[in-house]
Amino acid sequence: MAHIHTNPGDHDPTASAYIVKLDSLEPKLLLHVHKKIGKLLQPGGHIEVNENPWKAVLHEIEDETGYTKEQLVLFQLKDRIKTLTGALLHPHDVCVNTHPFPGLEHQHTDTAYAFGVYEEPLRTPQDGESRQLGWFTLEQLMALTDEQTFASIREIGSYVLTQCVRRWEQVDITQFAVE
């Protein structure tokens, strides 16, 4: 989807996924080469006008990685609100951050979630999406240069690999409605 807010100082809402492969001794983070800026990023994209961040991140994961929601587990804080009367409860995010998007005068405000997978994706990325995906251990992630990725990707990725994977609870994502 195109940018909605394009004026200087505007903020485009985005949602992204830090996906960790959990089927080996050392967890690995999935990154892909972003098709427009040529750097390694987590899967994600713009929240469309008819979406909330949760719905957006699930469709971006499938579009950009081929993983279906049935293949994913979600990392959630153990101590969290688990039900909410009269409202749609969304999963807890890893962080919400605002950052400039290279080459644009406006900002992206990103809601980032943490997921785990135990298998290869059932599908391939959609046509037009990057096919350059790779798995990175914590050591490999931290060795990436600023030319390869952004410092914030390394920082959030490190948090996901060291904190979310070890201390957060793995939950079935179907307990959160996609509306």
C-alpha atoms as a PDB file:
ATOM      1  CA  MET A   1       0.000   0.000   0.000  1.00  0.00           C
ATOM      2  CA  ALA A   2       1.169   3.520  -0.706  1.00  0.00           C
ATOM      3  CA  HIS A   3       2.069   5.939   2.033  1.00  0.00           C
ATOM      4  CA  ILE A   4      -1.035   7.598   3.477  1.00  0.00           C
ATOM      5  CA  HIS A   5       0.678  10.483   5.247  1.00  0.00           C
ATOM      6  CA  THR A   6       3.307  12.066   3.021  1.00  0.00           C
ATOM      7  CA  ASN A   7       3.757  15.598   4.326  1.00  0.00           C
ATOM      8  CA  PRO A   8       6.827  16.558   6.356  1.00  0.00           C
ATOM      9  CA  GLY A   9       6.256  15.603   9.982  1.00  0.00           C
ATOM     10  CA  ASP A  10       3.448  13.134   9.157  1.00  0.00           C
ATOM     11  CA  HIS A  11       3.457   9.603  10.567  1.00  0.00           C
ATOM     12  CA  ASP A  12       2.538   6.484   8.591  1.00  0.00           C
ATOM     13  CA  PRO A  13       1.444   3.590  10.837  1.00  0.00           C
ATOM     14  CA  THR A  14       3.226   0.289  10.169  1.00  0.00           C
ATOM     15  CA  ALA A  15       3.316  -3.166  11.758  1.00  0.00           C
ATOM     16  CA  SER A  16       6.214  -5.591  11.733  1.00  0.00           C
ATOM     17  CA  ALA A  17       7.200  -9.099  12.813  1.00  0.00           C
ATOM     18  CA  TYR A  18      10.352 -10.348  14.452  1.00  0.00           C
ATOM     19  CA  ILE A  19      10.144 -14.048  13.580  1.00  0.00           C
ATOM     20  CA  VAL A  20      12.422 -16.521  15.347  1.00  0.00           C
ATOM     21  CA  LYS A  21      13.179 -20.049  14.161  1.00  0.00           C
ATOM     22  CA  LEU A  22      12.958 -22.298  17.205  1.00  0.00           C
ATOM     23  CA  ASP A  23      13.841 -25.732  15.799  1.00  0.00           C
ATOM     24  CA  SER A  24      17.579 -25.598  16.455  1.00  0.00           C
ATOM     25  CA  LEU A  25      19.900 -25.228  19.443  1.00  0.00           C
ATOM     26  CA  GLU A  26      20.266 -21.502  18.886  1.00  0.00           C
ATOM     27  CA  PRO A  27      17.286 -19.317  17.931  1.00  0.00           C
ATOM     28  CA  LYS A  28      17.618 -17.445  14.654  1.00  0.00           C
ATOM     29  CA  LEU A  29      15.920 -14.246  13.514  1.00  0.00           C
ATOM     30  CA  LEU A  30      14.386 -13.913  10.039  1.00  0.00           C
ATOM     31  CA  LEU A  31      15.327 -10.839   8.027  1.00  0.00           C
ATOM     32  CA  HIS A  32      14.808 -10.029   4.361  1.00  0.00           C
ATOM     33  CA  VAL A  33      16.355  -7.553   1.971  1.00  0.00           C
ATOM     34  CA  HIS A  34      13.835  -4.715   1.673  1.00  0.00           C
ATOM     35  CA  LYS A  35      12.931  -4.287  -1.965  1.00  0.00           C
ATOM     36  CA  LYS A  36      13.115  -0.467  -1.930  1.00  0.00           C
ATOM     37  CA  ILE A  37      16.010   0.356   0.384  1.00  0.00           C
ATOM     38  CA  GLY A  38      18.191  -2.734  -0.065  1.00  0.00           C
ATOM     39  CA  LYS A  39      18.834  -3.329   3.649  1.00  0.00           C
ATOM     40  CA  LEU A  40      17.975  -6.274   5.877  1.00  0.00           C
ATOM     41  CA  LEU A  41      14.719  -5.631   7.723  1.00  0.00           C
ATOM     42  CA  GLN A  42      12.107  -7.588   9.595  1.00  0.00           C
ATOM     43  CA  PRO A  43       8.919  -8.433   7.642  1.00  0.00           C
ATOM     44  CA  GLY A  44       6.273  -5.743   7.879  1.00  0.00           C
ATOM     45  CA  GLY A  45       4.542  -2.903   6.156  1.00  0.00           C
ATOM     46  CA  HIS A  46       1.899  -0.217   6.183  1.00  0.00           C
ATOM     47  CA  ILE A  47      -1.318  -0.591   8.120  1.00  0.00           C
ATOM     48  CA  GLU A  48      -4.054  -0.140   5.555  1.00  0.00           C
ATOM     49  CA  VAL A  49      -7.046   2.079   6.304  1.00  0.00           C
ATOM     50  CA  ASN A  50      -9.263  -0.964   6.990  1.00  0.00           C
ATOM     51  CA  GLU A  51      -6.740  -2.688   9.283  1.00  0.00           C
ATOM     52  CA  ASN A  52      -5.532  -2.605  12.846  1.00  0.00           C
ATOM     53  CA  PRO A  53      -1.855  -3.417  13.573  1.00  0.00           C
ATOM     54  CA  TRP A  54      -2.592  -7.079  14.391  1.00  0.00           C
ATOM     55  CA  LYS A  55      -4.432  -7.714  11.127  1.00  0.00           C
ATOM     56  CA  ALA A  56      -1.736  -5.862   9.183  1.00  0.00           C
ATOM     57  CA  VAL A  57       1.184  -7.800  10.642  1.00  0.00           C
ATOM     58  CA  LEU A  58      -0.447 -11.158   9.881  1.00  0.00           C
ATOM     59  CA  HIS A  59      -1.028 -10.319   6.221  1.00  0.00           C
ATOM     60  CA  GLU A  60       2.468  -8.820   5.875  1.00  0.00           C
ATOM     61  CA  ILE A  61       4.039 -12.001   7.299  1.00  0.00           C
ATOM     62  CA  GLU A  62       2.261 -14.182   4.758  1.00  0.00           C
ATOM     63  CA  ASP A  63       2.922 -11.786   1.856  1.00  0.00           C
ATOM     64  CA  GLU A  64       6.628 -11.325   2.613  1.00  0.00           C
ATOM     65  CA  THR A  65       7.665 -14.712   4.048  1.00  0.00           C
ATOM     66  CA  GLY A  66       5.111 -17.330   3.010  1.00  0.00           C
ATOM     67  CA  TYR A  67       4.407 -18.275   6.637  1.00  0.00           C
ATOM     68  CA  THR A  68       0.728 -18.749   7.417  1.00  0.00           C
ATOM     69  CA  LYS A  69      -0.756 -17.726  10.755  1.00  0.00           C
ATOM     70  CA  GLU A  70      -1.298 -21.409  11.572  1.00  0.00           C
ATOM     71  CA  GLN A  71       2.486 -21.916  11.500  1.00  0.00           C
ATOM     72  CA  LEU A  72       3.220 -19.152  13.987  1.00  0.00           C
ATOM     73  CA  VAL A  73       3.396 -18.984  17.746  1.00  0.00           C
ATOM     74  CA  LEU A  74       3.230 -15.595  19.401  1.00  0.00           C
ATOM     75  CA  PHE A  75       5.491 -14.431  22.211  1.00  0.00           C
ATOM     76  CA  GLN A  76       3.559 -12.665  24.974  1.00  0.00           C
ATOM     77  CA  LEU A  77       4.427 -11.336  28.398  1.00  0.00           C
ATOM     78  CA  LYS A  78       3.407 -13.857  31.064  1.00  0.00           C
ATOM     79  CA  ASP A  79       1.820 -11.139  33.197  1.00  0.00           C
ATOM     80  CA  ARG A  80      -0.585  -9.378  30.880  1.00  0.00           C
ATOM     81  CA  ILE A  81      -4.261  -8.608  30.515  1.00  0.00           C
ATOM     82  CA  LYS A  82      -5.724 -11.766  28.975  1.00  0.00           C
ATOM     83  CA  THR A  83      -9.361 -10.709  28.532  1.00  0.00           C
ATOM     84  CA  LEU A  84     -11.062  -7.383  28.061  1.00  0.00           C
ATOM     85  CA  THR A  85     -14.808  -6.806  28.253  1.00  0.00           C
ATOM     86  CA  GLY A  86     -16.418  -4.872  25.434  1.00  0.00           C
ATOM     87  CA  ALA A  87     -13.266  -4.430  23.369  1.00  0.00           C
ATOM     88  CA  LEU A  88     -11.085  -6.355  20.955  1.00  0.00           C
ATOM     89  CA  LEU A  89      -7.894  -7.256  22.816  1.00  0.00           C
ATOM     90  CA  HIS A  90      -4.742  -7.170  20.698  1.00  0.00           C
ATOM     91  CA  PRO A  91      -1.541  -9.064  21.464  1.00  0.00           C
ATOM     92  CA  HIS A  92       1.167  -7.342  23.431  1.00  0.00           C
ATOM     93  CA  ASP A  93       3.795  -5.827  21.159  1.00  0.00           C
ATOM     94  CA  VAL A  94       7.557  -5.920  21.636  1.00  0.00           C
ATOM     95  CA  CYS A  95       7.750  -2.180  21.127  1.00  0.00           C
ATOM     96  CA  VAL A  96       6.215   0.749  19.297  1.00  0.00           C
ATOM     97  CA  ASN A  97       8.742   3.088  17.757  1.00  0.00           C
ATOM     98  CA  THR A  98       8.840   6.049  15.412  1.00  0.00           C
ATOM     99  CA  HIS A  99      11.662   6.345  12.904  1.00  0.00           C
ATOM    100  CA  PRO A 100      12.401   8.124   9.636  1.00  0.00           C
ATOM    101  CA  PHE A 101      12.047   6.144   6.432  1.00  0.00           C
ATOM    102  CA  PRO A 102      15.057   6.688   4.143  1.00  0.00           C
ATOM    103  CA  GLY A 103      14.394   9.131   1.328  1.00  0.00           C
ATOM    104  CA  LEU A 104      11.101  10.399   2.764  1.00  0.00           C
ATOM    105  CA  GLU A 105      10.332  13.454   4.844  1.00  0.00           C
ATOM    106  CA  HIS A 106       7.785  11.734   7.047  1.00  0.00           C
ATOM    107  CA  GLN A 107       8.032   9.146   9.804  1.00  0.00           C
ATOM    108  CA  HIS A 108       6.893   5.550  10.255  1.00  0.00           C
ATOM    109  CA  THR A 109       5.371   4.603  13.599  1.00  0.00           C
ATOM    110  CA  ASP A 110       5.836   0.841  13.864  1.00  0.00           C
ATOM    111  CA  THR A 111       4.125  -1.672  16.127  1.00  0.00           C
ATOM    112  CA  ALA A 112       6.485  -4.663  16.354  1.00  0.00           C
ATOM    113  CA  TYR A 113       5.440  -8.175  17.425  1.00  0.00           C
ATOM    114  CA  ALA A 114       7.529 -11.282  18.211  1.00  0.00           C
ATOM    115  CA  PHE A 115       6.719 -14.697  16.715  1.00  0.00           C
ATOM    116  CA  GLY A 116       8.246 -18.147  16.642  1.00  0.00           C
ATOM    117  CA  VAL A 117       8.212 -20.866  13.978  1.00  0.00           C
ATOM    118  CA  TYR A 118       9.272 -24.509  13.991  1.00  0.00           C
ATOM    119  CA  GLU A 119       9.114 -25.286  10.269  1.00  0.00           C
ATOM    120  CA  GLU A 120       9.680 -23.886   6.809  1.00  0.00           C
ATOM    121  CA  PRO A 121       6.974 -21.643   5.297  1.00  0.00           C
ATOM    122  CA  LEU A 122       4.100 -23.382   3.515  1.00  0.00           C
ATOM    123  CA  ARG A 123       4.072 -20.755   0.768  1.00  0.00           C
ATOM    124  CA  THR A 124       6.545 -18.548  -1.048  1.00  0.00           C
ATOM    125  CA  PRO A 125       6.589 -14.762  -0.757  1.00  0.00           C
ATOM    126  CA  GLN A 126       4.081 -13.048  -3.035  1.00  0.00           C
ATOM    127  CA  ASP A 127       5.137 -11.800  -6.443  1.00  0.00           C
ATOM    128  CA  GLY A 128       6.884  -8.472  -6.114  1.00  0.00           C
ATOM    129  CA  GLU A 129       8.186  -9.219  -2.610  1.00  0.00           C
ATOM    130  CA  SER A 130      11.837  -9.838  -1.817  1.00  0.00           C
ATOM    131  CA  ARG A 131      12.934 -13.466  -2.090  1.00  0.00           C
ATOM    132  CA  GLN A 132      16.189 -12.701  -0.250  1.00  0.00           C
ATOM    133  CA  LEU A 133      15.426 -14.035   3.219  1.00  0.00           C
ATOM    134  CA  GLY A 134      17.945 -15.217   5.776  1.00  0.00           C
ATOM    135  CA  TRP A 135      18.143 -16.536   9.338  1.00  0.00           C
ATOM    136  CA  PHE A 136      20.538 -14.834  11.766  1.00  0.00           C
ATOM    137  CA  THR A 137      21.811 -15.978  15.158  1.00  0.00           C
ATOM    138  CA  LEU A 138      22.328 -13.286  17.781  1.00  0.00           C
ATOM    139  CA  GLU A 139      26.046 -13.195  16.982  1.00  0.00           C
ATOM    140  CA  GLN A 140      25.379 -12.879  13.239  1.00  0.00           C
ATOM    141  CA  LEU A 141      22.724 -10.203  13.814  1.00  0.00           C
ATOM    142  CA  MET A 142      25.036  -8.111  15.960  1.00  0.00           C
ATOM    143  CA  ALA A 143      27.834  -8.438  13.367  1.00  0.00           C
ATOM    144  CA  LEU A 144      25.691  -6.789  10.665  1.00  0.00           C
ATOM    145  CA  THR A 145      26.921  -3.333   9.708  1.00  0.00           C
ATOM    146  CA  ASP A 146      24.915  -0.120   9.400  1.00  0.00           C
ATOM    147  CA  GLU A 147      25.160  -0.557   5.631  1.00  0.00           C
ATOM    148  CA  GLN A 148      23.426  -3.953   5.933  1.00  0.00           C
ATOM    149  CA  THR A 149      20.703  -3.047   8.443  1.00  0.00           C
ATOM    150  CA  PHE A 150      19.664  -0.356  10.900  1.00  0.00           C
ATOM    151  CA  ALA A 151      20.900  -0.211  14.502  1.00  0.00           C
ATOM    152  CA  SER A 152      17.289  -0.323  15.728  1.00  0.00           C
ATOM    153  CA  ILE A 153      16.737  -3.646  13.909  1.00  0.00           C
ATOM    154  CA  ARG A 154      19.773  -5.092  15.688  1.00  0.00           C
ATOM    155  CA  GLU A 155      18.571  -3.720  19.032  1.00  0.00           C
ATOM    156  CA  ILE A 156      14.995  -4.982  18.769  1.00  0.00           C
ATOM    157  CA  GLY A 157      16.161  -8.267  17.244  1.00  0.00           C
ATOM    158  CA  SER A 158      18.615  -8.751  20.101  1.00  0.00           C
ATOM    159  CA  TYR A 159      15.839  -8.111  22.635  1.00  0.00           C
ATOM    160  CA  VAL A 160      13.577 -10.637  20.916  1.00  0.00           C
ATOM    161  CA  LEU A 161      16.329 -13.295  20.786  1.00  0.00           C
ATOM    162  CA  THR A 162      17.522 -12.784  24.366  1.00  0.00           C
ATOM    163  CA  GLN A 163      14.368 -11.793  26.225  1.00  0.00           C
ATOM    164  CA  CYS A 164      11.184 -12.709  24.380  1.00  0.00           C
ATOM    165  CA  VAL A 165      12.315 -16.203  23.381  1.00  0.00           C
ATOM    166  CA  ARG A 166      13.560 -17.044  26.882  1.00  0.00           C
ATOM    167  CA  ARG A 167      11.184 -15.175  29.180  1.00  0.00           C
ATOM    168  CA  TRP A 168       7.931 -14.575  27.354  1.00  0.00           C
ATOM    169  CA  GLU A 169       5.201 -17.176  26.960  1.00  0.00           C
ATOM    170  CA  GLN A 170       4.486 -18.865  23.621  1.00  0.00           C
ATOM    171  CA  VAL A 171       0.761 -18.607  22.882  1.00  0.00           C
ATOM    172  CA  ASP A 172      -1.542 -19.721  20.105  1.00  0.00           C
ATOM    173  CA  ILE A 173      -2.285 -16.683  17.954  1.00  0.00           C
ATOM    174  CA  THR A 174      -5.866 -17.816  17.288  1.00  0.00           C
ATOM    175  CA  GLN A 175      -6.879 -16.492  20.713  1.00  0.00           C
ATOM    176  CA  PHE A 176      -6.614 -13.008  19.190  1.00  0.00           C
ATOM    177  CA  ALA A 177      -9.349 -12.133  16.709  1.00  0.00           C
ATOM    178  CA  VAL A 178      -8.406 -10.664  13.362  1.00  0.00           C
ATOM    179  CA  GLU A 179     -11.024  -8.007  12.616  1.00  0.00           C
END
